[in-house]
Amino acid sequence: MSNRLFPDDVLFAQRLLSCCGLYEDTLDGDWGQHTDDADKAFHQQCDQIAANVATFDTRTEANIRTLLTPVQPLCRESLRRIRNSGLDARVISGTRTYAEQTVLYRQGRFGNPGPRVTNAKAGQSWHNFGRAWDVGIFRNGAYLKDGPEYARAATVGKIPGVQWGGDWATFKDKPHYQVIGDFGTLAAVRADFEKGGR
């Protein structure tokens, strides 16, 4: 299949597919027939969710389709409401593998260039478990790094079940939205994800 989910980290893909109830085989990091079948079913479910809720630009679609299937409808409905409020909002980040999270964490640290963009190491972000996305606001096609538009977006984007990073007491993250479900802590969701929700 040409559009494999997380092709550079098969074990991560298997965990996410398993958490969606689509993969029941061994979590072994080997892309075999069972993983391929689960991946195809995942993409079919993504298509159905999009058809049921709303579809968006190519980048947004690619990022939403990295989220857990139970999270995708919430993301789509939240973004639909933000866009209907008159803001040009797009999902600019979805699920990140542990390796991708490490790269982001190292930015601005250990002599690496760029500003610090996260305090979360690998396995310490809701993005690592298919439960978080970042929204970017654009004006006349230009990305706005900050501004009152992000708070305005949250007034309609915080739907039941969705939390907003702008409400955090420290390191407010206004582009960030997440669905924690029944998990009260990162440790709990990480343990569940790493065993594939089993």
C-alpha atoms as a PDB file:
ATOM      1  CA  MET A   1       0.000   0.000   0.000  1.00  0.00           C
ATOM      2  CA  SER A   2       1.472   3.346  -1.002  1.00  0.00           C
ATOM      3  CA  ASN A   3      -0.023   5.477   1.795  1.00  0.00           C
ATOM      4  CA  ARG A   4       1.060   3.464   4.827  1.00  0.00           C
ATOM      5  CA  LEU A   5       0.494   4.962   8.248  1.00  0.00           C
ATOM      6  CA  PHE A   6       3.852   5.900   9.845  1.00  0.00           C
ATOM      7  CA  PRO A   7       5.967   3.888   7.370  1.00  0.00           C
ATOM      8  CA  ASP A   8       9.192   4.749   9.224  1.00  0.00           C
ATOM      9  CA  ASP A   9       7.919   3.294  12.531  1.00  0.00           C
ATOM     10  CA  VAL A  10       5.866   0.156  11.962  1.00  0.00           C
ATOM     11  CA  LEU A  11       5.554  -0.667  15.669  1.00  0.00           C
ATOM     12  CA  PHE A  12       4.112   2.797  16.290  1.00  0.00           C
ATOM     13  CA  ALA A  13       1.634   2.269  13.432  1.00  0.00           C
ATOM     14  CA  GLN A  14       0.617  -1.122  14.839  1.00  0.00           C
ATOM     15  CA  ARG A  15       0.007   0.399  18.258  1.00  0.00           C
ATOM     16  CA  LEU A  16      -2.203   3.131  16.807  1.00  0.00           C
ATOM     17  CA  LEU A  17      -4.104   0.684  14.608  1.00  0.00           C
ATOM     18  CA  SER A  18      -4.562  -1.607  17.590  1.00  0.00           C
ATOM     19  CA  CYS A  19      -5.871   1.273  19.717  1.00  0.00           C
ATOM     20  CA  CYS A  20      -8.433   1.848  16.940  1.00  0.00           C
ATOM     21  CA  GLY A  21      -9.521  -1.790  17.248  1.00  0.00           C
ATOM     22  CA  LEU A  22      -8.261  -2.642  13.759  1.00  0.00           C
ATOM     23  CA  TYR A  23      -5.101  -4.650  14.452  1.00  0.00           C
ATOM     24  CA  GLU A  24      -5.181  -7.724  16.681  1.00  0.00           C
ATOM     25  CA  ASP A  25      -1.933  -9.483  15.792  1.00  0.00           C
ATOM     26  CA  THR A  26       1.394  -9.265  17.608  1.00  0.00           C
ATOM     27  CA  LEU A  27       2.902  -5.815  18.112  1.00  0.00           C
ATOM     28  CA  ASP A  28       6.187  -6.792  16.487  1.00  0.00           C
ATOM     29  CA  GLY A  29       7.190  -3.930  14.165  1.00  0.00           C
ATOM     30  CA  ASP A  30       6.890  -6.155  11.075  1.00  0.00           C
ATOM     31  CA  TRP A  31       4.656  -4.872   8.272  1.00  0.00           C
ATOM     32  CA  GLY A  32       2.892  -8.098   7.331  1.00  0.00           C
ATOM     33  CA  GLN A  33      -0.519  -8.922   5.891  1.00  0.00           C
ATOM     34  CA  HIS A  34      -2.387  -8.266   9.158  1.00  0.00           C
ATOM     35  CA  THR A  35      -0.837  -4.811   9.477  1.00  0.00           C
ATOM     36  CA  ASP A  36      -1.586  -4.051   5.839  1.00  0.00           C
ATOM     37  CA  ASP A  37      -5.214  -5.144   6.230  1.00  0.00           C
ATOM     38  CA  ALA A  38      -5.593  -3.007   9.373  1.00  0.00           C
ATOM     39  CA  ASP A  39      -4.009  -0.048   7.584  1.00  0.00           C
ATOM     40  CA  LYS A  40      -6.475  -0.362   4.674  1.00  0.00           C
ATOM     41  CA  ALA A  41      -9.390  -0.551   7.119  1.00  0.00           C
ATOM     42  CA  PHE A  42      -8.044   2.513   8.924  1.00  0.00           C
ATOM     43  CA  HIS A  43      -7.944   4.546   5.706  1.00  0.00           C
ATOM     44  CA  GLN A  44     -11.470   3.412   4.835  1.00  0.00           C
ATOM     45  CA  GLN A  45     -12.702   4.550   8.258  1.00  0.00           C
ATOM     46  CA  CYS A  46     -10.898   7.889   7.812  1.00  0.00           C
ATOM     47  CA  ASP A  47     -12.704   8.379   4.486  1.00  0.00           C
ATOM     48  CA  GLN A  48     -16.059   7.597   6.087  1.00  0.00           C
ATOM     49  CA  ILE A  49     -15.463   9.953   9.028  1.00  0.00           C
ATOM     50  CA  ALA A  50     -14.501  12.747   6.631  1.00  0.00           C
ATOM     51  CA  ALA A  51     -17.628  12.144   4.550  1.00  0.00           C
ATOM     52  CA  ASN A  52     -19.803  12.199   7.683  1.00  0.00           C
ATOM     53  CA  VAL A  53     -18.375  15.382   9.245  1.00  0.00           C
ATOM     54  CA  ALA A  54     -16.394  17.676   6.936  1.00  0.00           C
ATOM     55  CA  THR A  55     -13.381  17.718   4.624  1.00  0.00           C
ATOM     56  CA  PHE A  56     -10.623  20.295   4.426  1.00  0.00           C
ATOM     57  CA  ASP A  57      -7.411  21.244   2.598  1.00  0.00           C
ATOM     58  CA  THR A  58      -4.797  18.623   1.734  1.00  0.00           C
ATOM     59  CA  ARG A  59      -2.430  19.395   4.625  1.00  0.00           C
ATOM     60  CA  THR A  60      -5.254  19.383   7.168  1.00  0.00           C
ATOM     61  CA  GLU A  61      -6.582  16.094   5.816  1.00  0.00           C
ATOM     62  CA  ALA A  62      -3.146  14.462   6.013  1.00  0.00           C
ATOM     63  CA  ASN A  63      -2.730  15.526   9.643  1.00  0.00           C
ATOM     64  CA  ILE A  64      -6.242  14.591  10.795  1.00  0.00           C
ATOM     65  CA  ARG A  65      -5.774  11.142   9.255  1.00  0.00           C
ATOM     66  CA  THR A  66      -2.933  10.432  11.686  1.00  0.00           C
ATOM     67  CA  LEU A  67      -5.267  10.668  14.695  1.00  0.00           C
ATOM     68  CA  LEU A  68      -7.081   7.794  16.374  1.00  0.00           C
ATOM     69  CA  THR A  69     -10.357   7.151  14.563  1.00  0.00           C
ATOM     70  CA  PRO A  70     -12.465   7.982  17.673  1.00  0.00           C
ATOM     71  CA  VAL A  71     -10.651  11.350  17.902  1.00  0.00           C
ATOM     72  CA  GLN A  72     -11.005  12.319  14.235  1.00  0.00           C
ATOM     73  CA  PRO A  73     -14.721  13.287  14.365  1.00  0.00           C
ATOM     74  CA  LEU A  74     -14.037  15.622  17.303  1.00  0.00           C
ATOM     75  CA  CYS A  75     -11.118  17.234  15.487  1.00  0.00           C
ATOM     76  CA  ARG A  76     -13.170  17.678  12.335  1.00  0.00           C
ATOM     77  CA  GLU A  77     -16.166  19.143  14.145  1.00  0.00           C
ATOM     78  CA  SER A  78     -13.963  21.502  16.173  1.00  0.00           C
ATOM     79  CA  LEU A  79     -12.208  22.734  13.024  1.00  0.00           C
ATOM     80  CA  ARG A  80     -15.491  23.010  11.119  1.00  0.00           C
ATOM     81  CA  ARG A  81     -16.841  25.340  13.801  1.00  0.00           C
ATOM     82  CA  ILE A  82     -13.671  27.412  13.860  1.00  0.00           C
ATOM     83  CA  ARG A  83     -13.753  27.808  10.085  1.00  0.00           C
ATOM     84  CA  ASN A  84     -17.478  28.615  10.137  1.00  0.00           C
ATOM     85  CA  SER A  85     -16.685  31.460  12.559  1.00  0.00           C
ATOM     86  CA  GLY A  86     -14.784  33.143   9.725  1.00  0.00           C
ATOM     87  CA  LEU A  87     -11.223  32.099  10.576  1.00  0.00           C
ATOM     88  CA  ASP A  88      -8.947  30.439   8.035  1.00  0.00           C
ATOM     89  CA  ALA A  89      -7.869  27.609  10.341  1.00  0.00           C
ATOM     90  CA  ARG A  90      -5.984  24.478   9.320  1.00  0.00           C
ATOM     91  CA  VAL A  91      -4.621  21.477  11.187  1.00  0.00           C
ATOM     92  CA  ILE A  92      -0.858  21.880  10.887  1.00  0.00           C
ATOM     93  CA  SER A  93       0.201  18.984  13.119  1.00  0.00           C
ATOM     94  CA  GLY A  94      -1.371  15.710  14.208  1.00  0.00           C
ATOM     95  CA  THR A  95       0.104  12.549  15.644  1.00  0.00           C
ATOM     96  CA  ARG A  96       3.868  12.438  16.133  1.00  0.00           C
ATOM     97  CA  THR A  97       5.969   9.333  16.621  1.00  0.00           C
ATOM     98  CA  TYR A  98       8.369   9.266  19.546  1.00  0.00           C
ATOM     99  CA  ALA A  99      11.248   9.949  17.144  1.00  0.00           C
ATOM    100  CA  GLU A 100       9.467  12.999  15.712  1.00  0.00           C
ATOM    101  CA  GLN A 101       8.763  14.258  19.235  1.00  0.00           C
ATOM    102  CA  THR A 102      12.444  13.934  20.125  1.00  0.00           C
ATOM    103  CA  VAL A 103      13.412  16.086  17.144  1.00  0.00           C
ATOM    104  CA  LEU A 104      10.967  18.798  18.240  1.00  0.00           C
ATOM    105  CA  TYR A 105      12.114  18.633  21.858  1.00  0.00           C
ATOM    106  CA  ARG A 106      15.763  19.047  20.832  1.00  0.00           C
ATOM    107  CA  GLN A 107      14.970  22.232  18.871  1.00  0.00           C
ATOM    108  CA  GLY A 108      16.444  25.167  20.779  1.00  0.00           C
ATOM    109  CA  ARG A 109      18.249  22.809  23.158  1.00  0.00           C
ATOM    110  CA  PHE A 110      21.640  21.089  23.235  1.00  0.00           C
ATOM    111  CA  GLY A 111      23.074  23.590  20.751  1.00  0.00           C
ATOM    112  CA  ASN A 112      20.348  22.987  18.161  1.00  0.00           C
ATOM    113  CA  PRO A 113      19.012  26.045  16.300  1.00  0.00           C
ATOM    114  CA  GLY A 114      15.531  27.480  16.556  1.00  0.00           C
ATOM    115  CA  PRO A 115      13.182  28.436  19.383  1.00  0.00           C
ATOM    116  CA  ARG A 116      11.938  25.910  21.909  1.00  0.00           C
ATOM    117  CA  VAL A 117       8.536  24.756  20.770  1.00  0.00           C
ATOM    118  CA  THR A 118       7.720  22.046  23.306  1.00  0.00           C
ATOM    119  CA  ASN A 119       8.582  20.966  26.819  1.00  0.00           C
ATOM    120  CA  ALA A 120       7.465  17.410  26.050  1.00  0.00           C
ATOM    121  CA  LYS A 121       9.987  14.667  25.469  1.00  0.00           C
ATOM    122  CA  ALA A 122       9.096  11.521  23.525  1.00  0.00           C
ATOM    123  CA  GLY A 123       6.104   9.808  25.116  1.00  0.00           C
ATOM    124  CA  GLN A 124       5.189  12.929  27.085  1.00  0.00           C
ATOM    125  CA  SER A 125       2.836  14.606  24.603  1.00  0.00           C
ATOM    126  CA  TRP A 126      -0.764  13.766  23.757  1.00  0.00           C
ATOM    127  CA  HIS A 127       0.410  14.110  20.130  1.00  0.00           C
ATOM    128  CA  ASN A 128       2.321  10.841  20.651  1.00  0.00           C
ATOM    129  CA  PHE A 129      -0.882   8.885  21.188  1.00  0.00           C
ATOM    130  CA  GLY A 130      -3.111  10.055  18.334  1.00  0.00           C
ATOM    131  CA  ARG A 131      -5.073  12.341  20.638  1.00  0.00           C
ATOM    132  CA  ALA A 132      -3.841  15.873  19.841  1.00  0.00           C
ATOM    133  CA  TRP A 133      -3.582  18.301  16.960  1.00  0.00           C
ATOM    134  CA  ASP A 134      -2.355  21.842  16.413  1.00  0.00           C
ATOM    135  CA  VAL A 135      -4.375  24.447  14.548  1.00  0.00           C
ATOM    136  CA  GLY A 136      -2.755  27.204  12.533  1.00  0.00           C
ATOM    137  CA  ILE A 137      -4.607  30.410  11.753  1.00  0.00           C
ATOM    138  CA  PHE A 138      -3.922  32.086   8.408  1.00  0.00           C
ATOM    139  CA  ARG A 139      -4.711  35.572   7.134  1.00  0.00           C
ATOM    140  CA  ASN A 140      -4.531  36.211   3.390  1.00  0.00           C
ATOM    141  CA  GLY A 141      -2.615  32.950   3.089  1.00  0.00           C
ATOM    142  CA  ALA A 142       0.012  33.962   5.688  1.00  0.00           C
ATOM    143  CA  TYR A 143       0.440  31.888   8.848  1.00  0.00           C
ATOM    144  CA  LEU A 144      -0.107  33.762  12.118  1.00  0.00           C
ATOM    145  CA  LYS A 145       2.219  32.496  14.846  1.00  0.00           C
ATOM    146  CA  ASP A 146       0.176  34.201  17.566  1.00  0.00           C
ATOM    147  CA  GLY A 147      -2.610  36.685  18.034  1.00  0.00           C
ATOM    148  CA  PRO A 148      -6.144  37.102  19.363  1.00  0.00           C
ATOM    149  CA  GLU A 149      -7.452  34.844  16.592  1.00  0.00           C
ATOM    150  CA  TYR A 150      -6.288  31.787  18.544  1.00  0.00           C
ATOM    151  CA  ALA A 151      -8.382  32.676  21.595  1.00  0.00           C
ATOM    152  CA  ARG A 152     -11.292  33.511  19.309  1.00  0.00           C
ATOM    153  CA  ALA A 153     -10.935  30.110  17.643  1.00  0.00           C
ATOM    154  CA  ALA A 154     -11.090  28.390  21.016  1.00  0.00           C
ATOM    155  CA  THR A 155     -14.449  29.979  21.852  1.00  0.00           C
ATOM    156  CA  VAL A 156     -16.034  27.747  19.217  1.00  0.00           C
ATOM    157  CA  GLY A 157     -13.356  25.036  18.893  1.00  0.00           C
ATOM    158  CA  LYS A 158     -13.601  23.823  22.491  1.00  0.00           C
ATOM    159  CA  ILE A 159     -16.449  21.408  21.967  1.00  0.00           C
ATOM    160  CA  PRO A 160     -17.411  18.712  24.504  1.00  0.00           C
ATOM    161  CA  GLY A 161     -14.552  16.231  24.823  1.00  0.00           C
ATOM    162  CA  VAL A 162     -11.918  18.619  23.428  1.00  0.00           C
ATOM    163  CA  GLN A 163      -9.430  20.494  25.610  1.00  0.00           C
ATOM    164  CA  TRP A 164      -7.537  23.625  24.561  1.00  0.00           C
ATOM    165  CA  GLY A 165      -3.852  24.231  25.342  1.00  0.00           C
ATOM    166  CA  GLY A 166      -4.561  27.927  25.913  1.00  0.00           C
ATOM    167  CA  ASP A 167      -6.278  26.979  29.173  1.00  0.00           C
ATOM    168  CA  TRP A 168      -3.090  25.524  30.638  1.00  0.00           C
ATOM    169  CA  ALA A 169      -1.595  27.293  33.659  1.00  0.00           C
ATOM    170  CA  THR A 170       1.972  27.094  32.343  1.00  0.00           C
ATOM    171  CA  PHE A 171       3.396  26.951  28.791  1.00  0.00           C
ATOM    172  CA  LYS A 172       0.087  28.008  27.273  1.00  0.00           C
ATOM    173  CA  ASP A 173      -0.188  26.399  23.854  1.00  0.00           C
ATOM    174  CA  LYS A 174      -2.952  28.246  21.999  1.00  0.00           C
ATOM    175  CA  PRO A 175      -2.766  26.235  18.738  1.00  0.00           C
ATOM    176  CA  HIS A 176      -3.090  22.936  20.674  1.00  0.00           C
ATOM    177  CA  TYR A 177      -6.246  20.839  21.066  1.00  0.00           C
ATOM    178  CA  GLN A 178      -6.483  17.385  22.615  1.00  0.00           C
ATOM    179  CA  VAL A 179      -8.874  14.606  23.552  1.00  0.00           C
ATOM    180  CA  ILE A 180      -7.859  12.818  26.729  1.00  0.00           C
ATOM    181  CA  GLY A 181     -10.919  10.580  27.037  1.00  0.00           C
ATOM    182  CA  ASP A 182     -10.916   8.541  30.228  1.00  0.00           C
ATOM    183  CA  PHE A 183      -7.169   8.933  30.719  1.00  0.00           C
ATOM    184  CA  GLY A 184      -6.310  11.244  33.591  1.00  0.00           C
ATOM    185  CA  THR A 185      -2.561  11.222  33.105  1.00  0.00           C
ATOM    186  CA  LEU A 186       0.032  10.957  30.380  1.00  0.00           C
ATOM    187  CA  ALA A 187       1.470   7.908  32.124  1.00  0.00           C
ATOM    188  CA  ALA A 188      -1.872   6.122  31.822  1.00  0.00           C
ATOM    189  CA  VAL A 189      -2.396   6.928  28.155  1.00  0.00           C
ATOM    190  CA  ARG A 190       1.234   6.045  27.332  1.00  0.00           C
ATOM    191  CA  ALA A 191       0.921   2.635  29.018  1.00  0.00           C
ATOM    192  CA  ASP A 192      -2.334   1.959  27.186  1.00  0.00           C
ATOM    193  CA  PHE A 193      -0.935   3.078  23.819  1.00  0.00           C
ATOM    194  CA  GLU A 194       2.246   1.034  24.118  1.00  0.00           C
ATOM    195  CA  LYS A 195       0.220  -2.139  24.633  1.00  0.00           C
ATOM    196  CA  GLY A 196      -2.057  -1.192  21.744  1.00  0.00           C
ATOM    197  CA  GLY A 197      -5.060  -0.438  23.934  1.00  0.00           C
ATOM    198  CA  ARG A 198      -5.229  -4.093  24.944  1.00  0.00           C
END
